[in-house]
Amino acid sequence: MTAVIEFFVAACIVIGAVFLFVGSLGLATLPDTMRRLHAPTKATTLGIGALLIASMLYFVLLNGSLGVHEILITLFLFLTAPATAIMIAKAYIFRHRGTQEKLPPSANKAGWATLNKAR
């Protein structure tokens, strides 16, 4: 039974490592900020999530103790990564206001950023 559990833990670690590698590679090689923003917020979040699942599985199934640390890290990560990505995207849009005309029209009057300010 422990071999099956160890296999699932190892599979989660490998899956997490692959996602982390892809996210880091995308962050390093994609050409501009908006494309670079996608790699760490999606791929590396999934990679860390898989590693945390592996850690929780290991400690719960093999040691019999539930780790609160993994749950807190997961909660913090999944709450802060999207909020940070939104803030970086809005800052990028404000900084490059001349390129906003290339974007499709948004659903509200403020445009793609929420600040409704005269140019």
Protein backbone atom coordinates (compact mmCIF):
# COMPACT_ATOMS: atom_id res chain seq x y z
CA MET A 1 0.00 0.00 0.00
CA THR A 2 2.81 2.41 0.76
CA ALA A 3 4.28 1.89 -2.72
CA VAL A 4 1.05 3.11 -4.32
CA ILE A 5 0.95 6.16 -2.04
CA GLU A 6 4.59 6.93 -2.77
CA PHE A 7 3.88 6.60 -6.49
CA PHE A 8 1.06 9.17 -6.29
CA VAL A 9 3.22 11.51 -4.23
CA ALA A 10 6.08 11.17 -6.73
CA ALA A 11 3.67 11.74 -9.64
CA CYS A 12 2.40 14.95 -8.02
CA ILE A 13 5.98 16.11 -7.48
CA VAL A 14 6.90 15.45 -11.12
CA ILE A 15 3.74 17.16 -12.41
CA GLY A 16 4.42 20.14 -10.15
CA ALA A 17 8.03 20.34 -11.30
CA VAL A 18 6.98 20.31 -14.96
CA PHE A 19 4.45 23.11 -14.41
CA LEU A 20 7.00 25.13 -12.44
CA PHE A 21 9.57 24.70 -15.20
CA VAL A 22 7.11 25.73 -17.93
CA GLY A 23 5.98 28.77 -15.93
CA SER A 24 9.54 29.86 -15.19
CA LEU A 25 10.57 29.34 -18.80
CA GLY A 26 7.61 31.41 -19.97
CA LEU A 27 8.49 34.18 -17.53
CA ALA A 28 12.05 34.26 -18.83
CA THR A 29 11.40 33.95 -22.57
CA LEU A 30 8.08 35.61 -23.45
CA PRO A 31 8.52 38.98 -25.17
CA ASP A 32 6.38 41.51 -23.27
CA THR A 33 4.89 42.07 -19.82
CA MET A 34 1.34 41.01 -20.56
CA ARG A 35 2.47 37.70 -22.03
CA ARG A 36 5.01 37.18 -19.25
CA LEU A 37 2.30 37.77 -16.69
CA HIS A 38 0.35 34.72 -17.84
CA ALA A 39 3.12 32.17 -17.23
CA PRO A 40 3.76 32.64 -13.50
CA THR A 41 0.13 33.25 -12.58
CA LYS A 42 -1.16 30.12 -14.25
CA ALA A 43 1.56 27.50 -14.68
CA THR A 44 3.62 28.11 -11.57
CA THR A 45 0.49 28.35 -9.41
CA LEU A 46 -0.54 24.92 -10.68
CA GLY A 47 2.99 23.64 -10.06
CA ILE A 48 3.09 24.84 -6.48
CA GLY A 49 -0.42 23.47 -5.99
CA ALA A 50 0.70 20.03 -7.15
CA LEU A 51 3.72 20.13 -4.83
CA LEU A 52 1.51 21.11 -1.91
CA ILE A 53 -0.91 18.28 -2.72
CA ALA A 54 2.04 15.88 -2.76
CA SER A 55 3.16 17.15 0.64
CA MET A 56 -0.34 16.85 2.10
CA LEU A 57 -0.75 13.31 0.71
CA TYR A 58 2.60 12.25 2.12
CA PHE A 59 2.03 13.55 5.61
CA VAL A 60 -1.62 12.47 5.88
CA LEU A 61 -1.36 9.00 4.37
CA LEU A 62 2.10 7.90 5.48
CA ASN A 63 2.63 9.77 8.76
CA GLY A 64 -0.99 10.17 9.83
CA SER A 65 -0.73 13.88 10.62
CA LEU A 66 -2.53 16.66 8.81
CA GLY A 67 -0.29 19.60 7.96
CA VAL A 68 -1.92 22.97 8.44
CA HIS A 69 1.06 24.67 6.81
CA GLU A 70 0.21 23.32 3.36
CA ILE A 71 -3.40 24.48 3.63
CA LEU A 72 -2.33 27.97 4.69
CA ILE A 73 0.25 28.21 1.90
CA THR A 74 -2.35 27.08 -0.65
CA LEU A 75 -4.90 29.58 0.61
CA PHE A 76 -2.37 32.42 0.57
CA LEU A 77 -1.09 31.50 -2.90
CA PHE A 78 -4.50 31.16 -4.53
CA LEU A 79 -5.68 34.45 -3.03
CA THR A 80 -2.62 36.58 -3.78
CA ALA A 81 -1.56 35.38 -7.25
CA PRO A 82 -4.70 36.57 -9.11
CA ALA A 83 -4.82 39.85 -7.20
CA THR A 84 -1.17 40.54 -7.98
CA ALA A 85 -1.68 39.68 -11.65
CA ILE A 86 -4.61 42.11 -11.88
CA MET A 87 -2.57 44.90 -10.29
CA ILE A 88 0.38 44.33 -12.63
CA ALA A 89 -1.94 44.22 -15.67
CA LYS A 90 -3.65 47.48 -14.68
CA ALA A 91 -0.31 49.19 -14.07
CA TYR A 92 0.85 48.03 -17.50
CA ILE A 93 -2.31 49.35 -19.14
CA PHE A 94 -1.97 52.73 -17.40
CA ARG A 95 1.67 52.98 -18.39
CA HIS A 96 0.96 52.17 -22.04
CA ARG A 97 -2.18 54.22 -22.57
CA GLY A 98 -1.30 54.89 -26.21
CA THR A 99 -1.62 51.19 -26.99
CA GLN A 100 -5.12 51.00 -25.54
CA GLU A 101 -6.65 51.89 -28.87
CA LYS A 102 -5.51 48.51 -30.19
CA LEU A 103 -7.64 46.70 -27.61
CA PRO A 104 -11.22 45.68 -28.38
CA PRO A 105 -13.91 47.79 -26.70
CA SER A 106 -14.66 46.99 -23.06
CA ALA A 107 -18.04 46.52 -21.43
CA ASN A 108 -17.87 49.68 -19.29
CA LYS A 109 -17.20 53.36 -19.93
CA ALA A 110 -13.91 53.38 -18.04
CA GLY A 111 -12.15 51.23 -20.62
CA TRP A 112 -9.98 48.26 -19.77
CA ALA A 113 -8.58 49.92 -16.65
CA THR A 114 -10.93 51.07 -13.92
CA LEU A 115 -9.63 54.63 -13.60
CA ASN A 116 -11.97 56.94 -15.52
CA LYS A 117 -9.63 59.90 -15.86
CA ALA A 118 -9.25 62.44 -18.63
CA ARG A 119 -6.12 61.96 -20.70
